[in-house]
């Protein structure tokens, strides 16, 4: 896994520790994020948004991050990059 992929995985593991949960599809999500971002700033934006999603949806225990959640985050991140 490349540097961005490792950063994504580390961010997801940090989220797991903070909320004492297990992201069941962590490796899949890490791969999707890594293949859809261009830089570390986008990784932080998406992982921060996932952190908020977990918090606001009161996720606990074993968590599956739906791909549609990621799709929306990718769209938002791309829009922000274009309009920055």
PDB file of N, CA and C in Angstrom:
ATOM      1  N   UNK A   1       0.857  -1.185   0.000  1.00  0.00           N
ATOM      2  CA  UNK A   1       0.000   0.000   0.000  1.00  0.00           C
ATOM      3  C   UNK A   1       0.898   1.241   0.000  1.00  0.00           C
ATOM      4  N   UNK A   2       0.502   2.250  -0.722  1.00  0.00           N
ATOM      5  CA  UNK A   2       1.312   3.468  -0.831  1.00  0.00           C
ATOM      6  C   UNK A   2       1.128   4.377   0.390  1.00  0.00           C
ATOM      7  N   UNK A   3       1.799   5.521   0.359  1.00  0.00           N
ATOM      8  CA  UNK A   3       1.772   6.452   1.489  1.00  0.00           C
ATOM      9  C   UNK A   3       0.362   6.940   1.802  1.00  0.00           C
ATOM     10  N   UNK A   4      -0.394   7.304   0.778  1.00  0.00           N
ATOM     11  CA  UNK A   4      -1.765   7.783   1.003  1.00  0.00           C
ATOM     12  C   UNK A   4      -2.619   6.666   1.592  1.00  0.00           C
ATOM     13  N   UNK A   5      -2.478   5.462   1.063  1.00  0.00           N
ATOM     14  CA  UNK A   5      -3.230   4.324   1.599  1.00  0.00           C
ATOM     15  C   UNK A   5      -2.914   4.062   3.051  1.00  0.00           C
ATOM     16  N   UNK A   6      -1.647   4.164   3.400  1.00  0.00           N
ATOM     17  CA  UNK A   6      -1.242   3.972   4.800  1.00  0.00           C
ATOM     18  C   UNK A   6      -1.818   5.066   5.693  1.00  0.00           C
ATOM     19  N   UNK A   7      -1.840   6.295   5.188  1.00  0.00           N
ATOM     20  CA  UNK A   7      -2.419   7.386   5.968  1.00  0.00           C
ATOM     21  C   UNK A   7      -3.910   7.155   6.206  1.00  0.00           C
ATOM     22  N   UNK A   8      -4.612   6.718   5.176  1.00  0.00           N
ATOM     23  CA  UNK A   8      -6.045   6.440   5.312  1.00  0.00           C
ATOM     24  C   UNK A   8      -6.265   5.368   6.363  1.00  0.00           C
ATOM     25  N   UNK A   9      -5.516   4.286   6.254  1.00  0.00           N
ATOM     26  CA  UNK A   9      -5.677   3.183   7.199  1.00  0.00           C
ATOM     27  C   UNK A   9      -5.404   3.647   8.632  1.00  0.00           C
ATOM     28  N   UNK A  10      -4.371   4.465   8.814  1.00  0.00           N
ATOM     29  CA  UNK A  10      -4.050   4.986  10.147  1.00  0.00           C
ATOM     30  C   UNK A  10      -5.172   5.871  10.678  1.00  0.00           C
ATOM     31  N   UNK A  11      -5.742   6.701   9.818  1.00  0.00           N
ATOM     32  CA  UNK A  11      -6.853   7.566  10.238  1.00  0.00           C
ATOM     33  C   UNK A  11      -8.066   6.729  10.649  1.00  0.00           C
ATOM     34  N   UNK A  12      -8.366   5.691   9.879  1.00  0.00           N
ATOM     35  CA  UNK A  12      -9.508   4.836  10.220  1.00  0.00           C
ATOM     36  C   UNK A  12      -9.265   4.083  11.522  1.00  0.00           C
ATOM     37  N   UNK A  13      -8.035   3.641  11.742  1.00  0.00           N
ATOM     38  CA  UNK A  13      -7.706   2.958  12.998  1.00  0.00           C
ATOM     39  C   UNK A  13      -7.831   3.915  14.179  1.00  0.00           C
ATOM     40  N   UNK A  14      -7.471   5.180  13.980  1.00  0.00           N
ATOM     41  CA  UNK A  14      -7.613   6.166  15.040  1.00  0.00           C
ATOM     42  C   UNK A  14      -9.098   6.370  15.382  1.00  0.00           C
ATOM     43  N   UNK A  15      -9.929   6.430  14.360  1.00  0.00           N
ATOM     44  CA  UNK A  15     -11.370   6.563  14.585  1.00  0.00           C
ATOM     45  C   UNK A  15     -11.882   5.369  15.388  1.00  0.00           C
ATOM     46  N   UNK A  16     -11.413   4.168  15.044  1.00  0.00           N
ATOM     47  CA  UNK A  16     -11.822   2.970  15.789  1.00  0.00           C
ATOM     48  C   UNK A  16     -11.440   3.091  17.265  1.00  0.00           C
ATOM     49  N   UNK A  17     -10.237   3.573  17.537  1.00  0.00           N
ATOM     50  CA  UNK A  17      -9.786   3.699  18.923  1.00  0.00           C
ATOM     51  C   UNK A  17     -10.573   4.764  19.678  1.00  0.00           C
ATOM     52  N   UNK A  18     -10.805   5.890  19.033  1.00  0.00           N
ATOM     53  CA  UNK A  18     -11.521   6.990  19.690  1.00  0.00           C
ATOM     54  C   UNK A  18     -12.910   6.553  20.125  1.00  0.00           C
ATOM     55  N   UNK A  19     -13.617   5.844  19.250  1.00  0.00           N
ATOM     56  CA  UNK A  19     -15.006   5.470  19.526  1.00  0.00           C
ATOM     57  C   UNK A  19     -15.158   4.040  20.018  1.00  0.00           C
ATOM     58  N   UNK A  20     -14.038   3.338  20.201  1.00  0.00           N
ATOM     59  CA  UNK A  20     -14.054   1.961  20.668  1.00  0.00           C
ATOM     60  C   UNK A  20     -15.017   1.118  19.822  1.00  0.00           C
ATOM     61  N   UNK A  21     -14.748   1.123  18.522  1.00  0.00           N
ATOM     62  CA  UNK A  21     -15.565   0.338  17.597  1.00  0.00           C
ATOM     63  C   UNK A  21     -14.672  -0.334  16.578  1.00  0.00           C
ATOM     64  N   UNK A  22     -15.259  -1.176  15.761  1.00  0.00           N
ATOM     65  CA  UNK A  22     -14.524  -1.885  14.715  1.00  0.00           C
ATOM     66  C   UNK A  22     -15.195  -1.589  13.386  1.00  0.00           C
ATOM     67  N   UNK A  23     -14.449  -1.007  12.462  1.00  0.00           N
ATOM     68  CA  UNK A  23     -14.958  -0.767  11.115  1.00  0.00           C
ATOM     69  C   UNK A  23     -14.730  -2.064  10.337  1.00  0.00           C
ATOM     70  N   UNK A  24     -15.808  -2.788  10.135  1.00  0.00           N
ATOM     71  CA  UNK A  24     -15.740  -4.119   9.529  1.00  0.00           C
ATOM     72  C   UNK A  24     -15.123  -4.074   8.136  1.00  0.00           C
ATOM     73  N   UNK A  25     -15.450  -3.053   7.371  1.00  0.00           N
ATOM     74  CA  UNK A  25     -14.952  -2.944   5.994  1.00  0.00           C
ATOM     75  C   UNK A  25     -13.807  -1.920   5.871  1.00  0.00           C
ATOM     76  N   UNK A  26     -12.986  -1.841   6.911  1.00  0.00           N
ATOM     77  CA  UNK A  26     -11.899  -0.853   6.960  1.00  0.00           C
ATOM     78  C   UNK A  26     -10.959  -0.953   5.760  1.00  0.00           C
ATOM     79  N   UNK A  27     -10.500  -2.159   5.433  1.00  0.00           N
ATOM     80  CA  UNK A  27      -9.550  -2.304   4.326  1.00  0.00           C
ATOM     81  C   UNK A  27     -10.178  -1.898   3.000  1.00  0.00           C
ATOM     82  N   UNK A  28     -11.422  -2.277   2.792  1.00  0.00           N
ATOM     83  CA  UNK A  28     -12.134  -1.898   1.565  1.00  0.00           C
ATOM     84  C   UNK A  28     -12.286  -0.380   1.478  1.00  0.00           C
ATOM     85  N   UNK A  29     -12.707   0.227   2.593  1.00  0.00           N
ATOM     86  CA  UNK A  29     -12.902   1.676   2.637  1.00  0.00           C
ATOM     87  C   UNK A  29     -11.567   2.396   2.434  1.00  0.00           C
ATOM     88  N   UNK A  30     -10.509   1.896   3.062  1.00  0.00           N
ATOM     89  CA  UNK A  30      -9.187   2.507   2.902  1.00  0.00           C
ATOM     90  C   UNK A  30      -8.758   2.469   1.436  1.00  0.00           C
ATOM     91  N   UNK A  31      -8.991   1.352   0.787  1.00  0.00           N
ATOM     92  CA  UNK A  31      -8.642   1.234  -0.622  1.00  0.00           C
ATOM     93  C   UNK A  31      -9.444   2.173  -1.500  1.00  0.00           C
ATOM     94  N   UNK A  32     -10.738   2.289  -1.222  1.00  0.00           N
ATOM     95  CA  UNK A  32     -11.594   3.194  -1.998  1.00  0.00           C
ATOM     96  C   UNK A  32     -11.169   4.646  -1.823  1.00  0.00           C
ATOM     97  N   UNK A  33     -10.895   5.014  -0.585  1.00  0.00           N
ATOM     98  CA  UNK A  33     -10.474   6.393  -0.334  1.00  0.00           C
ATOM     99  C   UNK A  33      -9.148   6.657  -1.044  1.00  0.00           C
ATOM    100  N   UNK A  34      -8.177   5.761  -0.847  1.00  0.00           N
ATOM    101  CA  UNK A  34      -6.852   5.955  -1.436  1.00  0.00           C
ATOM    102  C   UNK A  34      -6.917   6.060  -2.964  1.00  0.00           C
ATOM    103  N   UNK A  35      -7.838   5.339  -3.576  1.00  0.00           N
ATOM    104  CA  UNK A  35      -7.922   5.369  -5.041  1.00  0.00           C
ATOM    105  C   UNK A  35      -8.742   6.550  -5.570  1.00  0.00           C
ATOM    106  N   UNK A  36      -9.364   7.301  -4.668  1.00  0.00           N
ATOM    107  CA  UNK A  36     -10.210   8.425  -5.099  1.00  0.00           C
ATOM    108  C   UNK A  36      -9.715   9.783  -4.637  1.00  0.00           C
ATOM    109  N   UNK A  37      -8.533   9.829  -4.033  1.00  0.00           N
ATOM    110  CA  UNK A  37      -7.989  11.112  -3.590  1.00  0.00           C
ATOM    111  C   UNK A  37      -6.650  11.360  -4.269  1.00  0.00           C
ATOM    112  N   UNK A  38      -6.252  12.627  -4.268  1.00  0.00           N
ATOM    113  CA  UNK A  38      -5.000  13.010  -4.912  1.00  0.00           C
ATOM    114  C   UNK A  38      -3.923  13.467  -3.937  1.00  0.00           C
ATOM    115  N   UNK A  39      -4.346  13.764  -2.685  1.00  0.00           N
ATOM    116  CA  UNK A  39      -3.363  14.323  -1.754  1.00  0.00           C
ATOM    117  C   UNK A  39      -3.784  14.082  -0.311  1.00  0.00           C
ATOM    118  N   UNK A  40      -2.869  14.388   0.603  1.00  0.00           N
ATOM    119  CA  UNK A  40      -3.108  14.159   2.032  1.00  0.00           C
ATOM    120  C   UNK A  40      -4.225  15.034   2.583  1.00  0.00           C
ATOM    121  N   UNK A  41      -4.392  16.231   2.028  1.00  0.00           N
ATOM    122  CA  UNK A  41      -5.468  17.109   2.492  1.00  0.00           C
ATOM    123  C   UNK A  41      -6.837  16.469   2.235  1.00  0.00           C
ATOM    124  N   UNK A  42      -6.991  15.842   1.095  1.00  0.00           N
ATOM    125  CA  UNK A  42      -8.254  15.165   0.787  1.00  0.00           C
ATOM    126  C   UNK A  42      -8.473  13.976   1.728  1.00  0.00           C
ATOM    127  N   UNK A  43      -7.405  13.275   2.065  1.00  0.00           N
ATOM    128  CA  UNK A  43      -7.517  12.168   3.028  1.00  0.00           C
ATOM    129  C   UNK A  43      -8.052  12.698   4.350  1.00  0.00           C
ATOM    130  N   UNK A  44      -7.469  13.780   4.835  1.00  0.00           N
ATOM    131  CA  UNK A  44      -7.903  14.350   6.112  1.00  0.00           C
ATOM    132  C   UNK A  44      -9.340  14.851   6.044  1.00  0.00           C
ATOM    133  N   UNK A  45      -9.714  15.453   4.922  1.00  0.00           N
ATOM    134  CA  UNK A  45     -11.080  15.942   4.759  1.00  0.00           C
ATOM    135  C   UNK A  45     -12.070  14.784   4.828  1.00  0.00           C
ATOM    136  N   UNK A  46     -11.802  13.732   4.089  1.00  0.00           N
ATOM    137  CA  UNK A  46     -12.727  12.595   4.053  1.00  0.00           C
ATOM    138  C   UNK A  46     -12.754  11.867   5.391  1.00  0.00           C
ATOM    139  N   UNK A  47     -11.603  11.639   5.992  1.00  0.00           N
ATOM    140  CA  UNK A  47     -11.572  10.928   7.274  1.00  0.00           C
ATOM    141  C   UNK A  47     -12.205  11.767   8.392  1.00  0.00           C
ATOM    142  N   UNK A  48     -12.034  13.073   8.355  1.00  0.00           N
ATOM    143  CA  UNK A  48     -12.703  13.941   9.338  1.00  0.00           C
ATOM    144  C   UNK A  48     -14.213  13.869   9.161  1.00  0.00           C
ATOM    145  N   UNK A  49     -14.643  13.827   7.922  1.00  0.00           N
ATOM    146  CA  UNK A  49     -16.078  13.708   7.649  1.00  0.00           C
ATOM    147  C   UNK A  49     -16.619  12.360   8.115  1.00  0.00           C
ATOM    148  N   UNK A  50     -15.847  11.298   7.915  1.00  0.00           N
ATOM    149  CA  UNK A  50     -16.266   9.981   8.413  1.00  0.00           C
ATOM    150  C   UNK A  50     -16.332   9.977   9.936  1.00  0.00           C
ATOM    151  N   UNK A  51     -15.393  10.647  10.564  1.00  0.00           N
ATOM    152  CA  UNK A  51     -15.400  10.776  12.017  1.00  0.00           C
ATOM    153  C   UNK A  51     -16.704  11.434  12.471  1.00  0.00           C
ATOM    154  N   UNK A  52     -17.080  12.506  11.802  1.00  0.00           N
ATOM    155  CA  UNK A  52     -18.328  13.205  12.135  1.00  0.00           C
ATOM    156  C   UNK A  52     -19.541  12.320  11.869  1.00  0.00           C
ATOM    157  N   UNK A  53     -19.513  11.582  10.773  1.00  0.00           N
ATOM    158  CA  UNK A  53     -20.630  10.687  10.431  1.00  0.00           C
ATOM    159  C   UNK A  53     -20.827   9.644  11.533  1.00  0.00           C
ATOM    160  N   UNK A  54     -19.719   9.072  12.007  1.00  0.00           N
ATOM    161  CA  UNK A  54     -19.800   8.078  13.081  1.00  0.00           C
ATOM    162  C   UNK A  54     -20.344   8.706  14.356  1.00  0.00           C
ATOM    163  N   UNK A  55     -19.855   9.888  14.692  1.00  0.00           N
ATOM    164  CA  UNK A  55     -20.306  10.581  15.896  1.00  0.00           C
ATOM    165  C   UNK A  55     -21.788  10.934  15.808  1.00  0.00           C
ATOM    166  N   UNK A  56     -22.186  11.571  14.725  1.00  0.00           N
ATOM    167  CA  UNK A  56     -23.569  12.040  14.589  1.00  0.00           C
ATOM    168  C   UNK A  56     -24.580  10.900  14.479  1.00  0.00           C
ATOM    169  N   UNK A  57     -24.134   9.764  13.942  1.00  0.00           N
ATOM    170  CA  UNK A  57     -25.029   8.614  13.811  1.00  0.00           C
ATOM    171  C   UNK A  57     -24.906   7.641  14.977  1.00  0.00           C
ATOM    172  N   UNK A  58     -24.121   8.039  15.985  1.00  0.00           N
ATOM    173  CA  UNK A  58     -23.962   7.277  17.222  1.00  0.00           C
ATOM    174  C   UNK A  58     -23.618   5.817  16.956  1.00  0.00           C
ATOM    175  N   UNK A  59     -22.657   5.601  16.057  1.00  0.00           N
ATOM    176  CA  UNK A  59     -22.243   4.246  15.695  1.00  0.00           C
ATOM    177  C   UNK A  59     -21.463   3.620  16.844  1.00  0.00           C
ATOM    178  N   UNK A  60     -21.699   2.333  17.066  1.00  0.00           N
ATOM    179  CA  UNK A  60     -21.017   1.599  18.128  1.00  0.00           C
ATOM    180  C   UNK A  60     -20.781   0.164  17.675  1.00  0.00           C
ATOM    181  N   UNK A  61     -19.885  -0.516  18.367  1.00  0.00           N
ATOM    182  CA  UNK A  61     -19.644  -1.932  18.083  1.00  0.00           C
ATOM    183  C   UNK A  61     -19.020  -2.142  16.718  1.00  0.00           C
ATOM    184  N   UNK A  62     -19.609  -3.054  15.957  1.00  0.00           N
ATOM    185  CA  UNK A  62     -19.151  -3.343  14.600  1.00  0.00           C
ATOM    186  C   UNK A  62     -19.872  -2.423  13.631  1.00  0.00           C
ATOM    187  N   UNK A  63     -19.100  -1.667  12.868  1.00  0.00           N
ATOM    188  CA  UNK A  63     -19.655  -0.650  11.979  1.00  0.00           C
ATOM    189  C   UNK A  63     -19.257  -0.955  10.530  1.00  0.00           C
ATOM    190  N   UNK A  64     -20.232  -0.823   9.659  1.00  0.00           N
ATOM    191  CA  UNK A  64     -19.961  -0.907   8.223  1.00  0.00           C
ATOM    192  C   UNK A  64     -20.203   0.482   7.653  1.00  0.00           C
ATOM    193  N   UNK A  65     -19.191   1.027   6.991  1.00  0.00           N
ATOM    194  CA  UNK A  65     -19.348   2.333   6.346  1.00  0.00           C
ATOM    195  C   UNK A  65     -19.912   2.082   4.952  1.00  0.00           C
ATOM    196  N   UNK A  66     -21.123   2.569   4.692  1.00  0.00           N
ATOM    197  CA  UNK A  66     -21.732   2.343   3.377  1.00  0.00           C
ATOM    198  C   UNK A  66     -20.981   3.082   2.267  1.00  0.00           C
ATOM    199  N   UNK A  67     -20.897   2.459   1.109  1.00  0.00           N
ATOM    200  CA  UNK A  67     -20.207   3.077  -0.019  1.00  0.00           C
ATOM    201  C   UNK A  67     -20.906   4.359  -0.462  1.00  0.00           C
ATOM    202  N   UNK A  68     -22.225   4.449  -0.267  1.00  0.00           N
ATOM    203  CA  UNK A  68     -22.919   5.678  -0.660  1.00  0.00           C
ATOM    204  C   UNK A  68     -22.495   6.865   0.201  1.00  0.00           C
ATOM    205  N   UNK A  69     -22.128   6.616   1.452  1.00  0.00           N
ATOM    206  CA  UNK A  69     -21.599   7.686   2.308  1.00  0.00           C
ATOM    207  C   UNK A  69     -20.278   8.188   1.718  1.00  0.00           C
ATOM    208  N   UNK A  70     -19.413   7.257   1.353  1.00  0.00           N
ATOM    209  CA  UNK A  70     -18.141   7.639   0.741  1.00  0.00           C
ATOM    210  C   UNK A  70     -18.348   8.371  -0.574  1.00  0.00           C
ATOM    211  N   UNK A  71     -19.275   7.913  -1.382  1.00  0.00           N
ATOM    212  CA  UNK A  71     -19.529   8.567  -2.675  1.00  0.00           C
ATOM    213  C   UNK A  71     -19.885  10.031  -2.479  1.00  0.00           C
ATOM    214  N   UNK A  72     -20.731  10.306  -1.489  1.00  0.00           N
ATOM    215  CA  UNK A  72     -21.099  11.702  -1.207  1.00  0.00           C
ATOM    216  C   UNK A  72     -19.892  12.509  -0.746  1.00  0.00           C
ATOM    217  N   UNK A  73     -19.044  11.897   0.067  1.00  0.00           N
ATOM    218  CA  UNK A  73     -17.851  12.594   0.544  1.00  0.00           C
ATOM    219  C   UNK A  73     -16.889  12.885  -0.606  1.00  0.00           C
ATOM    220  N   UNK A  74     -16.752  11.946  -1.540  1.00  0.00           N
ATOM    221  CA  UNK A  74     -15.886  12.180  -2.703  1.00  0.00           C
ATOM    222  C   UNK A  74     -16.417  13.336  -3.533  1.00  0.00           C
ATOM    223  N   UNK A  75     -17.723  13.358  -3.753  1.00  0.00           N
ATOM    224  CA  UNK A  75     -18.331  14.443  -4.538  1.00  0.00           C
ATOM    225  C   UNK A  75     -18.110  15.788  -3.862  1.00  0.00           C
ATOM    226  N   UNK A  76     -18.326  15.838  -2.565  1.00  0.00           N
ATOM    227  CA  UNK A  76     -18.151  17.077  -1.815  1.00  0.00           C
ATOM    228  C   UNK A  76     -16.702  17.540  -1.851  1.00  0.00           C
ATOM    229  N   UNK A  77     -15.789  16.615  -1.682  1.00  0.00           N
ATOM    230  CA  UNK A  77     -14.368  16.953  -1.693  1.00  0.00           C
ATOM    231  C   UNK A  77     -13.950  17.488  -3.058  1.00  0.00           C
ATOM    232  N   UNK A  78     -14.424  16.841  -4.118  1.00  0.00           N
ATOM    233  CA  UNK A  78     -14.102  17.327  -5.476  1.00  0.00           C
ATOM    234  C   UNK A  78     -14.676  18.720  -5.709  1.00  0.00           C
ATOM    235  N   UNK A  79     -15.895  18.954  -5.236  1.00  0.00           N
ATOM    236  CA  UNK A  79     -16.535  20.259  -5.399  1.00  0.00           C
ATOM    237  C   UNK A  79     -15.714  21.315  -4.645  1.00  0.00           C
ATOM    238  N   UNK A  80     -15.315  21.000  -3.419  1.00  0.00           N
ATOM    239  CA  UNK A  80     -14.520  21.945  -2.629  1.00  0.00           C
ATOM    240  C   UNK A  80     -13.201  22.266  -3.307  1.00  0.00           C
ATOM    241  N   UNK A  81     -12.564  21.247  -3.882  1.00  0.00           N
ATOM    242  CA  UNK A  81     -11.289  21.473  -4.570  1.00  0.00           C
ATOM    243  C   UNK A  81     -11.465  22.409  -5.773  1.00  0.00           C
ATOM    244  N   UNK A  82     -12.550  22.247  -6.507  1.00  0.00           N
ATOM    245  CA  UNK A  82     -12.795  23.079  -7.675  1.00  0.00           C
ATOM    246  C   UNK A  82     -13.067  24.529  -7.300  1.00  0.00           C
ATOM    247  N   UNK A  83     -13.695  24.724  -6.136  1.00  0.00           N
ATOM    248  CA  UNK A  83     -14.144  26.064  -5.751  1.00  0.00           C
ATOM    249  C   UNK A  83     -13.271  26.695  -4.679  1.00  0.00           C
ATOM    250  N   UNK A  84     -12.104  26.124  -4.457  1.00  0.00           N
ATOM    251  CA  UNK A  84     -11.204  26.686  -3.428  1.00  0.00           C
ATOM    252  C   UNK A  84     -10.399  27.842  -3.972  1.00  0.00           C
TER     253      UNK A  84
END
